[in-house]
């Protein structure tokens, strides 16, 4: 990693974005694989390509649009990232702080992280939505490694309520109101880009993981460091390796994501409406 991070590095990105809008978003949504259609719900959108934002990252995943959309959703001013960044794309963990820190500087207080994930818990099924109550990350550096920038947060910080309990309860109430059944479990982070082996999935289940994926955790840690409230939602797109007698494919992930996108959009829209 040859980037030199300091407060002004992130401020330059934020100032570029703020110069293009006349409001400060309080809620951010990061959309995972196949969940991009939610961005179509945003009213009066201002759309900025990631490649045009100074000091930002560029998404290399085909199913990720690579755009920041700012506007209004159900009466709330929001910033929506249609596409995110991953360790497997070649970014260092320390670089993965960039988008969340920029969102924080835009004024965001609450962040909703979404992803497509594989079910480790055999009681789950494709199409389910899981609220993330905690995560397990056993590999790689923390995104907060390196010199601490005090403007964002303290060197050492608590993560026992990183996936904010009050937001999880709000999500459950919203789901009940619109007739969606939710799971709640532990997200296990794996680096990718290969899907996990059947032996790894068996180990993840023993360790307490309910779903597995390749994103979200670095964003949640960065948001917690900035003092932001975090809600994590996983769309279960497939059963993890070894559970069914068939290979895991990206086509299955995309197909399930497309089928469940309407349900997911309704849930997030309801949650955004209820966030104070």
C-alpha atoms as a PDB file:
ATOM      1  CA  UNK A   1       0.000   0.000   0.000  1.00  0.00           C
ATOM      2  CA  UNK A   2       1.532   3.307  -1.094  1.00  0.00           C
ATOM      3  CA  UNK A   3      -1.276   5.649  -0.071  1.00  0.00           C
ATOM      4  CA  UNK A   4      -0.531   8.190   2.652  1.00  0.00           C
ATOM      5  CA  UNK A   5      -3.626   8.514   4.781  1.00  0.00           C
ATOM      6  CA  UNK A   6      -4.335  11.554   6.912  1.00  0.00           C
ATOM      7  CA  UNK A   7      -7.515  13.455   7.698  1.00  0.00           C
ATOM      8  CA  UNK A   8      -7.152  15.721   4.650  1.00  0.00           C
ATOM      9  CA  UNK A   9      -6.911  12.682   2.359  1.00  0.00           C
ATOM     10  CA  UNK A  10     -10.508  11.723   3.221  1.00  0.00           C
ATOM     11  CA  UNK A  11     -11.654  15.350   3.459  1.00  0.00           C
ATOM     12  CA  UNK A  12     -10.721  15.898  -0.203  1.00  0.00           C
ATOM     13  CA  UNK A  13     -13.119  13.116  -1.272  1.00  0.00           C
ATOM     14  CA  UNK A  14     -15.922  14.404   0.940  1.00  0.00           C
ATOM     15  CA  UNK A  15     -15.553  18.006  -0.199  1.00  0.00           C
ATOM     16  CA  UNK A  16     -15.792  16.937  -3.852  1.00  0.00           C
ATOM     17  CA  UNK A  17     -19.101  15.182  -3.127  1.00  0.00           C
ATOM     18  CA  UNK A  18     -20.535  17.934  -0.907  1.00  0.00           C
ATOM     19  CA  UNK A  19     -19.850  20.449  -3.654  1.00  0.00           C
ATOM     20  CA  UNK A  20     -22.357  18.584  -5.852  1.00  0.00           C
ATOM     21  CA  UNK A  21     -25.265  18.446  -3.366  1.00  0.00           C
ATOM     22  CA  UNK A  22     -27.145  20.945  -1.197  1.00  0.00           C
ATOM     23  CA  UNK A  23     -27.746  18.667   1.787  1.00  0.00           C
ATOM     24  CA  UNK A  24     -25.893  16.372   4.177  1.00  0.00           C
ATOM     25  CA  UNK A  25     -27.048  12.750   4.171  1.00  0.00           C
ATOM     26  CA  UNK A  26     -27.669  11.191   7.586  1.00  0.00           C
ATOM     27  CA  UNK A  27     -28.177   7.602   6.433  1.00  0.00           C
ATOM     28  CA  UNK A  28     -25.923   5.572   4.131  1.00  0.00           C
ATOM     29  CA  UNK A  29     -26.687   2.283   2.417  1.00  0.00           C
ATOM     30  CA  UNK A  30     -24.002   0.054   0.923  1.00  0.00           C
ATOM     31  CA  UNK A  31     -25.469  -2.384  -1.587  1.00  0.00           C
ATOM     32  CA  UNK A  32     -23.980  -5.842  -2.042  1.00  0.00           C
ATOM     33  CA  UNK A  33     -23.976  -8.257  -4.976  1.00  0.00           C
ATOM     34  CA  UNK A  34     -27.217  -8.266  -7.015  1.00  0.00           C
ATOM     35  CA  UNK A  35     -28.835  -5.725  -4.686  1.00  0.00           C
ATOM     36  CA  UNK A  36     -28.230  -2.710  -6.887  1.00  0.00           C
ATOM     37  CA  UNK A  37     -31.893  -2.236  -7.993  1.00  0.00           C
ATOM     38  CA  UNK A  38     -32.643  -0.587  -4.636  1.00  0.00           C
ATOM     39  CA  UNK A  39     -30.843   2.485  -5.972  1.00  0.00           C
ATOM     40  CA  UNK A  40     -33.714   2.995  -8.438  1.00  0.00           C
ATOM     41  CA  UNK A  41     -35.962   3.953  -5.509  1.00  0.00           C
ATOM     42  CA  UNK A  42     -33.967   7.088  -4.699  1.00  0.00           C
ATOM     43  CA  UNK A  43     -35.706  10.353  -5.590  1.00  0.00           C
ATOM     44  CA  UNK A  44     -33.944  13.417  -7.049  1.00  0.00           C
ATOM     45  CA  UNK A  45     -30.706  11.455  -7.377  1.00  0.00           C
ATOM     46  CA  UNK A  46     -27.290  12.962  -7.815  1.00  0.00           C
ATOM     47  CA  UNK A  47     -25.130  10.193  -9.293  1.00  0.00           C
ATOM     48  CA  UNK A  48     -21.336  10.257  -9.057  1.00  0.00           C
ATOM     49  CA  UNK A  49     -19.028   7.619 -10.535  1.00  0.00           C
ATOM     50  CA  UNK A  50     -16.518   6.300  -8.033  1.00  0.00           C
ATOM     51  CA  UNK A  51     -13.743   6.922 -10.563  1.00  0.00           C
ATOM     52  CA  UNK A  52     -14.515  10.652 -10.496  1.00  0.00           C
ATOM     53  CA  UNK A  53     -14.167  11.038  -6.713  1.00  0.00           C
ATOM     54  CA  UNK A  54     -10.655  12.086  -5.631  1.00  0.00           C
ATOM     55  CA  UNK A  55      -8.827   9.520  -3.476  1.00  0.00           C
ATOM     56  CA  UNK A  56     -11.679   7.023  -3.749  1.00  0.00           C
ATOM     57  CA  UNK A  57     -11.531   3.369  -4.784  1.00  0.00           C
ATOM     58  CA  UNK A  58     -12.790   1.762  -8.006  1.00  0.00           C
ATOM     59  CA  UNK A  59     -15.083  -1.263  -8.011  1.00  0.00           C
ATOM     60  CA  UNK A  60     -13.928  -4.115 -10.258  1.00  0.00           C
ATOM     61  CA  UNK A  61     -16.851  -6.521  -9.708  1.00  0.00           C
ATOM     62  CA  UNK A  62     -19.133  -6.729 -12.766  1.00  0.00           C
ATOM     63  CA  UNK A  63     -22.365  -6.914 -10.746  1.00  0.00           C
ATOM     64  CA  UNK A  64     -21.468  -3.701  -8.860  1.00  0.00           C
ATOM     65  CA  UNK A  65     -22.401  -0.447 -10.582  1.00  0.00           C
ATOM     66  CA  UNK A  66     -19.585   1.585  -9.038  1.00  0.00           C
ATOM     67  CA  UNK A  67     -21.674   4.679  -8.371  1.00  0.00           C
ATOM     68  CA  UNK A  68     -22.508   6.878  -5.385  1.00  0.00           C
ATOM     69  CA  UNK A  69     -26.153   7.987  -5.451  1.00  0.00           C
ATOM     70  CA  UNK A  70     -27.293  10.825  -3.197  1.00  0.00           C
ATOM     71  CA  UNK A  71     -30.907  11.804  -2.777  1.00  0.00           C
ATOM     72  CA  UNK A  72     -34.078  11.022  -0.861  1.00  0.00           C
ATOM     73  CA  UNK A  73     -35.618   7.714   0.175  1.00  0.00           C
ATOM     74  CA  UNK A  74     -38.881   7.650   2.134  1.00  0.00           C
ATOM     75  CA  UNK A  75     -38.367  11.174   3.392  1.00  0.00           C
ATOM     76  CA  UNK A  76     -34.739  10.715   4.468  1.00  0.00           C
ATOM     77  CA  UNK A  77     -31.613  12.188   2.924  1.00  0.00           C
ATOM     78  CA  UNK A  78     -29.352   9.311   2.043  1.00  0.00           C
ATOM     79  CA  UNK A  79     -26.098   8.340   0.371  1.00  0.00           C
ATOM     80  CA  UNK A  80     -26.199   4.989  -1.399  1.00  0.00           C
ATOM     81  CA  UNK A  81     -23.144   3.115  -2.613  1.00  0.00           C
ATOM     82  CA  UNK A  82     -24.194   0.908  -5.516  1.00  0.00           C
ATOM     83  CA  UNK A  83     -21.212  -1.407  -5.372  1.00  0.00           C
ATOM     84  CA  UNK A  84     -18.507  -1.855  -2.758  1.00  0.00           C
ATOM     85  CA  UNK A  85     -14.868  -2.851  -2.430  1.00  0.00           C
ATOM     86  CA  UNK A  86     -13.314  -6.115  -1.313  1.00  0.00           C
ATOM     87  CA  UNK A  87      -9.976  -7.463  -0.145  1.00  0.00           C
ATOM     88  CA  UNK A  88     -10.047  -9.996  -3.004  1.00  0.00           C
ATOM     89  CA  UNK A  89      -9.984  -7.184  -5.566  1.00  0.00           C
ATOM     90  CA  UNK A  90      -6.427  -6.458  -4.480  1.00  0.00           C
ATOM     91  CA  UNK A  91      -7.078  -3.691  -1.962  1.00  0.00           C
ATOM     92  CA  UNK A  92      -5.274  -3.763   1.363  1.00  0.00           C
ATOM     93  CA  UNK A  93      -7.415  -3.903   4.476  1.00  0.00           C
ATOM     94  CA  UNK A  94      -6.216  -0.413   5.383  1.00  0.00           C
ATOM     95  CA  UNK A  95      -7.525   0.962   2.070  1.00  0.00           C
ATOM     96  CA  UNK A  96     -10.999  -0.410   2.748  1.00  0.00           C
ATOM     97  CA  UNK A  97     -11.644   2.317   5.344  1.00  0.00           C
ATOM     98  CA  UNK A  98     -11.938   4.917   2.585  1.00  0.00           C
ATOM     99  CA  UNK A  99     -15.650   4.751   1.637  1.00  0.00           C
ATOM    100  CA  UNK A 100     -17.020   4.649   5.192  1.00  0.00           C
ATOM    101  CA  UNK A 101     -14.784   7.465   6.404  1.00  0.00           C
ATOM    102  CA  UNK A 102     -15.893   9.588   3.458  1.00  0.00           C
ATOM    103  CA  UNK A 103     -19.551   8.824   4.246  1.00  0.00           C
ATOM    104  CA  UNK A 104     -18.895   9.855   7.855  1.00  0.00           C
ATOM    105  CA  UNK A 105     -17.489  13.184   6.669  1.00  0.00           C
ATOM    106  CA  UNK A 106     -20.601  13.732   4.533  1.00  0.00           C
ATOM    107  CA  UNK A 107     -22.619  13.714   7.758  1.00  0.00           C
ATOM    108  CA  UNK A 108     -23.788  10.093   7.899  1.00  0.00           C
ATOM    109  CA  UNK A 109     -24.747   8.902  11.403  1.00  0.00           C
ATOM    110  CA  UNK A 110     -26.308   5.523  10.522  1.00  0.00           C
ATOM    111  CA  UNK A 111     -25.122   2.997   7.953  1.00  0.00           C
ATOM    112  CA  UNK A 112     -26.984   0.008   6.526  1.00  0.00           C
ATOM    113  CA  UNK A 113     -24.650  -2.661   5.173  1.00  0.00           C
ATOM    114  CA  UNK A 114     -26.094  -5.283   2.845  1.00  0.00           C
ATOM    115  CA  UNK A 115     -24.524  -8.329   1.267  1.00  0.00           C
ATOM    116  CA  UNK A 116     -25.182 -11.606  -0.494  1.00  0.00           C
ATOM    117  CA  UNK A 117     -24.116 -14.525   1.691  1.00  0.00           C
ATOM    118  CA  UNK A 118     -24.032 -18.299   1.752  1.00  0.00           C
ATOM    119  CA  UNK A 119     -26.005 -20.172   4.416  1.00  0.00           C
ATOM    120  CA  UNK A 120     -23.902 -22.148   6.879  1.00  0.00           C
ATOM    121  CA  UNK A 121     -26.830 -22.658   9.229  1.00  0.00           C
ATOM    122  CA  UNK A 122     -28.751 -25.555   7.675  1.00  0.00           C
ATOM    123  CA  UNK A 123     -32.103 -24.181   8.896  1.00  0.00           C
ATOM    124  CA  UNK A 124     -31.671 -21.220   6.513  1.00  0.00           C
ATOM    125  CA  UNK A 125     -32.729 -21.324   2.872  1.00  0.00           C
ATOM    126  CA  UNK A 126     -31.957 -19.223  -0.211  1.00  0.00           C
ATOM    127  CA  UNK A 127     -34.084 -16.084  -0.250  1.00  0.00           C
ATOM    128  CA  UNK A 128     -33.932 -15.618   3.524  1.00  0.00           C
ATOM    129  CA  UNK A 129     -32.735 -12.307   4.967  1.00  0.00           C
ATOM    130  CA  UNK A 130     -30.460 -12.483   8.009  1.00  0.00           C
ATOM    131  CA  UNK A 131     -29.894  -9.627  10.426  1.00  0.00           C
ATOM    132  CA  UNK A 132     -26.228  -9.645  11.420  1.00  0.00           C
ATOM    133  CA  UNK A 133     -25.955  -9.660  15.204  1.00  0.00           C
ATOM    134  CA  UNK A 134     -22.173 -10.222  15.267  1.00  0.00           C
ATOM    135  CA  UNK A 135     -19.322 -11.340  13.062  1.00  0.00           C
ATOM    136  CA  UNK A 136     -16.231 -13.522  13.099  1.00  0.00           C
ATOM    137  CA  UNK A 137     -13.074 -12.389  11.291  1.00  0.00           C
ATOM    138  CA  UNK A 138     -10.052 -14.610  11.859  1.00  0.00           C
ATOM    139  CA  UNK A 139      -7.788 -13.613   8.991  1.00  0.00           C
ATOM    140  CA  UNK A 140      -5.896 -10.547   7.848  1.00  0.00           C
ATOM    141  CA  UNK A 141      -5.182  -7.171   9.358  1.00  0.00           C
ATOM    142  CA  UNK A 142      -7.727  -4.804  10.826  1.00  0.00           C
ATOM    143  CA  UNK A 143      -8.720  -1.976   8.478  1.00  0.00           C
ATOM    144  CA  UNK A 144      -7.790   0.321  11.387  1.00  0.00           C
ATOM    145  CA  UNK A 145      -4.168  -0.842  11.373  1.00  0.00           C
ATOM    146  CA  UNK A 146      -1.615   1.953  11.156  1.00  0.00           C
ATOM    147  CA  UNK A 147      -1.458   5.454  12.626  1.00  0.00           C
ATOM    148  CA  UNK A 148      -4.748   6.405  14.280  1.00  0.00           C
ATOM    149  CA  UNK A 149      -6.539   9.517  12.994  1.00  0.00           C
ATOM    150  CA  UNK A 150      -8.090  11.036  16.104  1.00  0.00           C
ATOM    151  CA  UNK A 151     -10.686  13.004  14.119  1.00  0.00           C
ATOM    152  CA  UNK A 152     -12.389   9.687  13.311  1.00  0.00           C
ATOM    153  CA  UNK A 153     -12.107   7.886  16.619  1.00  0.00           C
ATOM    154  CA  UNK A 154     -10.001   6.572  19.472  1.00  0.00           C
ATOM    155  CA  UNK A 155      -7.103   4.166  18.991  1.00  0.00           C
ATOM    156  CA  UNK A 156      -8.838   1.431  20.985  1.00  0.00           C
ATOM    157  CA  UNK A 157     -12.608   1.165  20.722  1.00  0.00           C
ATOM    158  CA  UNK A 158     -15.380  -1.159  21.843  1.00  0.00           C
ATOM    159  CA  UNK A 159     -17.229  -3.336  19.323  1.00  0.00           C
ATOM    160  CA  UNK A 160     -19.561  -5.279  21.632  1.00  0.00           C
ATOM    161  CA  UNK A 161     -22.583  -3.445  20.147  1.00  0.00           C
ATOM    162  CA  UNK A 162     -21.091  -2.838  16.712  1.00  0.00           C
ATOM    163  CA  UNK A 163     -24.242  -4.145  14.997  1.00  0.00           C
ATOM    164  CA  UNK A 164     -26.461  -1.765  16.899  1.00  0.00           C
ATOM    165  CA  UNK A 165     -29.092  -3.605  18.923  1.00  0.00           C
ATOM    166  CA  UNK A 166     -31.691  -0.837  18.639  1.00  0.00           C
ATOM    167  CA  UNK A 167     -31.421  -0.962  14.838  1.00  0.00           C
ATOM    168  CA  UNK A 168     -31.740  -4.744  14.840  1.00  0.00           C
ATOM    169  CA  UNK A 169     -34.927  -4.460  16.880  1.00  0.00           C
ATOM    170  CA  UNK A 170     -36.229  -1.765  14.539  1.00  0.00           C
ATOM    171  CA  UNK A 171     -35.549  -4.025  11.543  1.00  0.00           C
ATOM    172  CA  UNK A 172     -37.512  -6.851  13.170  1.00  0.00           C
ATOM    173  CA  UNK A 173     -40.484  -4.569  13.811  1.00  0.00           C
ATOM    174  CA  UNK A 174     -40.431  -3.332  10.220  1.00  0.00           C
ATOM    175  CA  UNK A 175     -40.239  -6.889   8.871  1.00  0.00           C
ATOM    176  CA  UNK A 176     -43.182  -7.985  11.029  1.00  0.00           C
ATOM    177  CA  UNK A 177     -45.245  -5.055   9.801  1.00  0.00           C
ATOM    178  CA  UNK A 178     -44.773  -5.933   6.118  1.00  0.00           C
ATOM    179  CA  UNK A 179     -44.909  -9.706   6.572  1.00  0.00           C
ATOM    180  CA  UNK A 180     -41.254 -10.675   6.058  1.00  0.00           C
ATOM    181  CA  UNK A 181     -39.651 -13.383   8.190  1.00  0.00           C
ATOM    182  CA  UNK A 182     -36.091 -12.613   9.267  1.00  0.00           C
ATOM    183  CA  UNK A 183     -33.244 -14.753  10.515  1.00  0.00           C
ATOM    184  CA  UNK A 184     -30.684 -13.338  12.952  1.00  0.00           C
ATOM    185  CA  UNK A 185     -27.184 -14.719  13.168  1.00  0.00           C
ATOM    186  CA  UNK A 186     -23.413 -14.427  12.956  1.00  0.00           C
ATOM    187  CA  UNK A 187     -21.669 -13.450   9.710  1.00  0.00           C
ATOM    188  CA  UNK A 188     -18.333 -15.168   9.084  1.00  0.00           C
ATOM    189  CA  UNK A 189     -15.857 -13.227   6.958  1.00  0.00           C
ATOM    190  CA  UNK A 190     -13.749 -15.098   4.387  1.00  0.00           C
ATOM    191  CA  UNK A 191     -11.334 -13.384   1.989  1.00  0.00           C
ATOM    192  CA  UNK A 192     -12.378 -14.914  -1.373  1.00  0.00           C
ATOM    193  CA  UNK A 193     -12.535 -14.701  -4.290  1.00  0.00           C
ATOM    194  CA  UNK A 194     -12.910 -18.492  -4.262  1.00  0.00           C
ATOM    195  CA  UNK A 195     -15.943 -19.865  -2.469  1.00  0.00           C
ATOM    196  CA  UNK A 196     -15.173 -21.770   0.724  1.00  0.00           C
ATOM    197  CA  UNK A 197     -14.382 -25.485   0.814  1.00  0.00           C
ATOM    198  CA  UNK A 198     -16.802 -27.948   2.426  1.00  0.00           C
ATOM    199  CA  UNK A 199     -14.257 -28.497   5.225  1.00  0.00           C
ATOM    200  CA  UNK A 200     -14.055 -24.750   5.855  1.00  0.00           C
ATOM    201  CA  UNK A 201     -17.846 -24.555   6.039  1.00  0.00           C
ATOM    202  CA  UNK A 202     -17.941 -27.370   8.602  1.00  0.00           C
ATOM    203  CA  UNK A 203     -15.332 -25.490  10.676  1.00  0.00           C
ATOM    204  CA  UNK A 204     -17.268 -22.214  10.364  1.00  0.00           C
ATOM    205  CA  UNK A 205     -20.404 -23.942  11.640  1.00  0.00           C
ATOM    206  CA  UNK A 206     -18.509 -25.324  14.648  1.00  0.00           C
ATOM    207  CA  UNK A 207     -17.148 -21.834  15.387  1.00  0.00           C
ATOM    208  CA  UNK A 208     -20.655 -20.330  15.411  1.00  0.00           C
ATOM    209  CA  UNK A 209     -21.051 -18.844  11.943  1.00  0.00           C
ATOM    210  CA  UNK A 210     -24.542 -18.813  10.428  1.00  0.00           C
ATOM    211  CA  UNK A 211     -23.711 -17.214   7.076  1.00  0.00           C
ATOM    212  CA  UNK A 212     -20.487 -16.633   5.175  1.00  0.00           C
ATOM    213  CA  UNK A 213     -19.375 -13.873   2.838  1.00  0.00           C
ATOM    214  CA  UNK A 214     -16.481 -11.788   1.547  1.00  0.00           C
ATOM    215  CA  UNK A 215     -17.467  -8.229   2.542  1.00  0.00           C
ATOM    216  CA  UNK A 216     -19.152  -6.014   5.155  1.00  0.00           C
ATOM    217  CA  UNK A 217     -16.836  -6.638   8.116  1.00  0.00           C
ATOM    218  CA  UNK A 218     -14.222  -4.015   7.222  1.00  0.00           C
ATOM    219  CA  UNK A 219     -17.004  -1.468   6.707  1.00  0.00           C
ATOM    220  CA  UNK A 220     -18.641  -2.308  10.046  1.00  0.00           C
ATOM    221  CA  UNK A 221     -15.341  -1.962  11.904  1.00  0.00           C
ATOM    222  CA  UNK A 222     -14.608   1.391  10.254  1.00  0.00           C
ATOM    223  CA  UNK A 223     -18.105   2.655  11.022  1.00  0.00           C
ATOM    224  CA  UNK A 224     -17.806   1.575  14.669  1.00  0.00           C
ATOM    225  CA  UNK A 225     -14.504   3.438  14.927  1.00  0.00           C
ATOM    226  CA  UNK A 226     -16.285   6.575  13.625  1.00  0.00           C
ATOM    227  CA  UNK A 227     -19.106   6.189  16.172  1.00  0.00           C
ATOM    228  CA  UNK A 228     -21.721   5.383  13.545  1.00  0.00           C
ATOM    229  CA  UNK A 229     -24.743   3.152  14.152  1.00  0.00           C
ATOM    230  CA  UNK A 230     -24.610  -0.019  12.042  1.00  0.00           C
ATOM    231  CA  UNK A 231     -27.281  -2.353  10.678  1.00  0.00           C
ATOM    232  CA  UNK A 232     -26.102  -5.390   8.707  1.00  0.00           C
ATOM    233  CA  UNK A 233     -28.428  -7.415   6.472  1.00  0.00           C
ATOM    234  CA  UNK A 234     -27.406 -10.546   4.563  1.00  0.00           C
ATOM    235  CA  UNK A 235     -29.477 -11.886   1.700  1.00  0.00           C
ATOM    236  CA  UNK A 236     -28.989 -15.649   1.743  1.00  0.00           C
ATOM    237  CA  UNK A 237     -28.419 -16.507  -1.911  1.00  0.00           C
ATOM    238  CA  UNK A 238     -27.184 -20.098  -1.646  1.00  0.00           C
ATOM    239  CA  UNK A 239     -26.392 -22.941   0.690  1.00  0.00           C
ATOM    240  CA  UNK A 240     -22.661 -22.951   1.462  1.00  0.00           C
ATOM    241  CA  UNK A 241     -20.290 -25.560   0.027  1.00  0.00           C
ATOM    242  CA  UNK A 242     -20.882 -29.149   1.021  1.00  0.00           C
ATOM    243  CA  UNK A 243     -24.432 -28.703   2.323  1.00  0.00           C
ATOM    244  CA  UNK A 244     -26.014 -29.661  -1.005  1.00  0.00           C
ATOM    245  CA  UNK A 245     -24.544 -32.044  -3.522  1.00  0.00           C
ATOM    246  CA  UNK A 246     -23.828 -29.361  -6.108  1.00  0.00           C
ATOM    247  CA  UNK A 247     -21.217 -26.665  -6.721  1.00  0.00           C
ATOM    248  CA  UNK A 248     -21.594 -23.060  -5.544  1.00  0.00           C
ATOM    249  CA  UNK A 249     -21.766 -20.631  -8.480  1.00  0.00           C
ATOM    250  CA  UNK A 250     -21.893 -16.869  -8.909  1.00  0.00           C
ATOM    251  CA  UNK A 251     -24.861 -17.389 -11.270  1.00  0.00           C
ATOM    252  CA  UNK A 252     -26.862 -18.878  -8.387  1.00  0.00           C
ATOM    253  CA  UNK A 253     -25.972 -15.888  -6.223  1.00  0.00           C
ATOM    254  CA  UNK A 254     -27.124 -13.438  -8.899  1.00  0.00           C
ATOM    255  CA  UNK A 255     -30.313 -15.390  -9.683  1.00  0.00           C
ATOM    256  CA  UNK A 256     -31.437 -15.586  -6.058  1.00  0.00           C
ATOM    257  CA  UNK A 257     -30.538 -11.944  -5.534  1.00  0.00           C
ATOM    258  CA  UNK A 258     -32.746 -10.941  -8.469  1.00  0.00           C
ATOM    259  CA  UNK A 259     -35.682 -13.000  -7.193  1.00  0.00           C
ATOM    260  CA  UNK A 260     -35.469 -11.572  -3.673  1.00  0.00           C
ATOM    261  CA  UNK A 261     -34.658  -7.995  -4.626  1.00  0.00           C
ATOM    262  CA  UNK A 262     -38.244  -6.727  -4.306  1.00  0.00           C
ATOM    263  CA  UNK A 263     -38.606  -8.122  -0.791  1.00  0.00           C
ATOM    264  CA  UNK A 264     -35.251  -6.651   0.152  1.00  0.00           C
ATOM    265  CA  UNK A 265     -36.153  -3.255  -1.265  1.00  0.00           C
ATOM    266  CA  UNK A 266     -39.400  -3.150   0.685  1.00  0.00           C
ATOM    267  CA  UNK A 267     -37.648  -4.014   3.928  1.00  0.00           C
ATOM    268  CA  UNK A 268     -34.875  -1.441   3.574  1.00  0.00           C
ATOM    269  CA  UNK A 269     -37.359   1.224   2.516  1.00  0.00           C
ATOM    270  CA  UNK A 270     -39.422   0.562   5.635  1.00  0.00           C
ATOM    271  CA  UNK A 271     -36.345   0.635   7.861  1.00  0.00           C
ATOM    272  CA  UNK A 272     -35.116   3.931   6.396  1.00  0.00           C
ATOM    273  CA  UNK A 273     -38.551   5.470   6.960  1.00  0.00           C
ATOM    274  CA  UNK A 274     -38.456   4.516  10.648  1.00  0.00           C
ATOM    275  CA  UNK A 275     -34.882   5.578  11.484  1.00  0.00           C
ATOM    276  CA  UNK A 276     -34.822   8.721  13.608  1.00  0.00           C
END
